[in-house]
Amino acid sequence: MSFKLVLSLLIVVIAGIFIVQNTTVVEIRFLFWAVSMSRALLIVVLLATGAALAWLLQGYLFLRRRQ
């Protein structure tokens, strides 16, 4: 197995353990908007958002270097 794959799996396992241990409900407020959700769900949403942004940025930089 490659180093990147092992490191990625390790990060996913650690994130999974962290999420399972943080299942309490929290309230999130932003300006006039408020929502209550599980802390674990919030963490999953933030991790997915960060991964999507990193993937998009990598694609953008790849296309930019290619031109």
N, C-alpha and C. Protein backbone atom coordinates (compact mmCIF):
# COMPACT_ATOMS: atom_id res chain seq x y z
N MET A 1 0.83 -1.19 0.00
CA MET A 1 0.00 0.00 0.00
C MET A 1 0.88 1.25 0.00
N SER A 2 0.34 2.28 -0.61
CA SER A 2 1.11 3.51 -0.66
C SER A 2 0.98 4.28 0.65
N PHE A 3 1.94 5.13 0.88
CA PHE A 3 1.96 5.93 2.11
C PHE A 3 0.75 6.84 2.20
N LYS A 4 0.37 7.44 1.07
CA LYS A 4 -0.79 8.36 1.07
C LYS A 4 -2.07 7.63 1.42
N LEU A 5 -2.25 6.40 0.93
CA LEU A 5 -3.45 5.63 1.23
C LEU A 5 -3.51 5.28 2.71
N VAL A 6 -2.40 4.84 3.27
CA VAL A 6 -2.36 4.49 4.69
C VAL A 6 -2.62 5.72 5.55
N LEU A 7 -2.02 6.84 5.19
CA LEU A 7 -2.24 8.08 5.94
C LEU A 7 -3.69 8.53 5.84
N SER A 8 -4.28 8.42 4.66
CA SER A 8 -5.69 8.80 4.48
C SER A 8 -6.60 7.91 5.32
N LEU A 9 -6.35 6.61 5.32
CA LEU A 9 -7.16 5.69 6.12
C LEU A 9 -7.01 5.98 7.61
N LEU A 10 -5.81 6.30 8.05
CA LEU A 10 -5.59 6.64 9.45
C LEU A 10 -6.35 7.89 9.84
N ILE A 11 -6.34 8.90 8.99
CA ILE A 11 -7.07 10.14 9.27
C ILE A 11 -8.57 9.87 9.32
N VAL A 12 -9.08 9.03 8.42
CA VAL A 12 -10.50 8.70 8.41
C VAL A 12 -10.90 7.96 9.68
N VAL A 13 -10.07 7.04 10.14
CA VAL A 13 -10.36 6.30 11.37
C VAL A 13 -10.35 7.23 12.57
N ILE A 14 -9.37 8.09 12.66
CA ILE A 14 -9.29 9.04 13.78
C ILE A 14 -10.48 9.99 13.75
N ALA A 15 -10.84 10.48 12.57
CA ALA A 15 -12.00 11.36 12.45
C ALA A 15 -13.27 10.62 12.84
N GLY A 16 -13.39 9.37 12.46
CA GLY A 16 -14.56 8.56 12.83
C GLY A 16 -14.68 8.39 14.34
N ILE A 17 -13.59 8.10 15.00
CA ILE A 17 -13.60 7.96 16.46
C ILE A 17 -13.98 9.29 17.12
N PHE A 18 -13.43 10.38 16.61
CA PHE A 18 -13.75 11.70 17.15
C PHE A 18 -15.24 12.02 16.98
N ILE A 19 -15.78 11.68 15.83
CA ILE A 19 -17.20 11.95 15.56
C ILE A 19 -18.10 11.13 16.47
N VAL A 20 -17.79 9.87 16.66
CA VAL A 20 -18.62 9.00 17.51
C VAL A 20 -18.63 9.50 18.95
N GLN A 21 -17.54 10.09 19.41
CA GLN A 21 -17.46 10.56 20.78
C GLN A 21 -18.12 11.91 20.98
N ASN A 22 -18.53 12.58 19.91
CA ASN A 22 -19.12 13.92 20.01
C ASN A 22 -20.52 13.95 19.41
N THR A 23 -21.47 13.32 20.08
CA THR A 23 -22.82 13.21 19.54
C THR A 23 -23.81 14.17 20.20
N THR A 24 -23.37 15.07 21.04
CA THR A 24 -24.29 16.00 21.69
C THR A 24 -24.85 17.01 20.68
N VAL A 25 -26.00 17.57 20.99
CA VAL A 25 -26.64 18.56 20.12
C VAL A 25 -26.09 19.95 20.44
N VAL A 26 -25.72 20.68 19.40
CA VAL A 26 -25.20 22.04 19.55
C VAL A 26 -26.04 22.97 18.70
N GLU A 27 -26.07 24.24 19.08
CA GLU A 27 -26.76 25.25 18.30
C GLU A 27 -25.73 26.12 17.60
N ILE A 28 -25.94 26.30 16.32
CA ILE A 28 -25.03 27.11 15.51
C ILE A 28 -25.78 28.35 15.08
N ARG A 29 -25.18 29.51 15.31
CA ARG A 29 -25.80 30.78 14.93
C ARG A 29 -24.87 31.52 13.98
N PHE A 30 -25.49 32.05 12.92
CA PHE A 30 -24.76 32.88 11.97
C PHE A 30 -25.69 34.00 11.53
N LEU A 31 -25.36 35.21 11.93
CA LEU A 31 -26.19 36.39 11.69
C LEU A 31 -27.60 36.15 12.21
N PHE A 32 -28.60 36.09 11.33
CA PHE A 32 -29.99 35.89 11.78
C PHE A 32 -30.42 34.43 11.67
N TRP A 33 -29.53 33.55 11.30
CA TRP A 33 -29.84 32.16 11.05
C TRP A 33 -29.33 31.31 12.20
N ALA A 34 -30.14 30.37 12.69
CA ALA A 34 -29.72 29.47 13.77
C ALA A 34 -30.24 28.06 13.47
N VAL A 35 -29.43 27.08 13.79
CA VAL A 35 -29.82 25.69 13.58
C VAL A 35 -29.22 24.84 14.70
N SER A 36 -29.97 23.83 15.13
CA SER A 36 -29.47 22.87 16.12
C SER A 36 -29.22 21.56 15.41
N MET A 37 -28.05 21.00 15.64
CA MET A 37 -27.71 19.72 15.02
C MET A 37 -26.72 18.98 15.89
N SER A 38 -26.57 17.72 15.61
CA SER A 38 -25.60 16.90 16.31
C SER A 38 -24.19 17.40 16.00
N ARG A 39 -23.36 17.41 17.01
CA ARG A 39 -21.97 17.84 16.80
C ARG A 39 -21.27 16.91 15.80
N ALA A 40 -21.61 15.62 15.84
CA ALA A 40 -21.02 14.67 14.90
C ALA A 40 -21.41 15.02 13.47
N LEU A 41 -22.67 15.37 13.23
CA LEU A 41 -23.11 15.77 11.90
C LEU A 41 -22.40 17.03 11.44
N LEU A 42 -22.23 17.98 12.35
CA LEU A 42 -21.51 19.21 12.02
C LEU A 42 -20.07 18.91 11.60
N ILE A 43 -19.42 18.01 12.31
CA ILE A 43 -18.04 17.65 11.99
C ILE A 43 -17.98 16.98 10.62
N VAL A 44 -18.92 16.08 10.33
CA VAL A 44 -18.95 15.41 9.04
C VAL A 44 -19.15 16.42 7.91
N VAL A 45 -20.07 17.36 8.11
CA VAL A 45 -20.33 18.38 7.10
C VAL A 45 -19.09 19.24 6.87
N LEU A 46 -18.42 19.64 7.94
CA LEU A 46 -17.22 20.45 7.80
C LEU A 46 -16.07 19.68 7.13
N LEU A 47 -15.90 18.41 7.47
CA LEU A 47 -14.87 17.59 6.82
C LEU A 47 -15.16 17.42 5.33
N ALA A 48 -16.42 17.17 5.00
CA ALA A 48 -16.79 17.00 3.59
C ALA A 48 -16.60 18.30 2.82
N THR A 49 -16.95 19.42 3.44
CA THR A 49 -16.77 20.72 2.80
C THR A 49 -15.29 21.00 2.56
N GLY A 50 -14.47 20.73 3.54
CA GLY A 50 -13.03 20.93 3.39
C GLY A 50 -12.44 20.03 2.31
N ALA A 51 -12.87 18.78 2.26
CA ALA A 51 -12.36 17.86 1.24
C ALA A 51 -12.80 18.32 -0.15
N ALA A 52 -14.04 18.76 -0.28
CA ALA A 52 -14.53 19.23 -1.58
C ALA A 52 -13.78 20.48 -2.02
N LEU A 53 -13.55 21.40 -1.10
CA LEU A 53 -12.80 22.62 -1.45
C LEU A 53 -11.36 22.29 -1.85
N ALA A 54 -10.73 21.37 -1.15
CA ALA A 54 -9.36 20.97 -1.49
C ALA A 54 -9.32 20.31 -2.86
N TRP A 55 -10.31 19.47 -3.16
CA TRP A 55 -10.38 18.80 -4.46
C TRP A 55 -10.57 19.82 -5.58
N LEU A 56 -11.47 20.78 -5.38
CA LEU A 56 -11.70 21.82 -6.38
C LEU A 56 -10.47 22.70 -6.58
N LEU A 57 -9.81 23.07 -5.50
CA LEU A 57 -8.61 23.89 -5.60
C LEU A 57 -7.49 23.15 -6.32
N GLN A 58 -7.35 21.87 -6.03
CA GLN A 58 -6.33 21.07 -6.70
C GLN A 58 -6.61 21.01 -8.20
N GLY A 59 -7.86 20.81 -8.58
CA GLY A 59 -8.22 20.77 -9.99
C GLY A 59 -7.98 22.10 -10.67
N TYR A 60 -8.32 23.18 -9.99
CA TYR A 60 -8.10 24.52 -10.54
C TYR A 60 -6.60 24.78 -10.75
N LEU A 61 -5.80 24.44 -9.76
CA LEU A 61 -4.36 24.66 -9.88
C LEU A 61 -3.74 23.78 -10.96
N PHE A 62 -4.24 22.56 -11.10
CA PHE A 62 -3.75 21.67 -12.14
C PHE A 62 -4.04 22.24 -13.52
N LEU A 63 -5.26 22.73 -13.72
CA LEU A 63 -5.62 23.31 -15.02
C LEU A 63 -4.84 24.58 -15.29
N ARG A 64 -4.60 25.36 -14.26
CA ARG A 64 -3.86 26.61 -14.42
C ARG A 64 -2.40 26.36 -14.81
N ARG A 65 -1.79 25.35 -14.21
CA ARG A 65 -0.40 25.00 -14.54
C ARG A 65 -0.29 24.44 -15.95
N ARG A 66 -1.34 23.75 -16.38
CA ARG A 66 -1.33 23.12 -17.69
C ARG A 66 -1.38 24.15 -18.81
N GLN A 67 -1.98 25.28 -18.57
CA GLN A 67 -2.12 26.30 -19.61
C GLN A 67 -0.91 27.09 -19.75
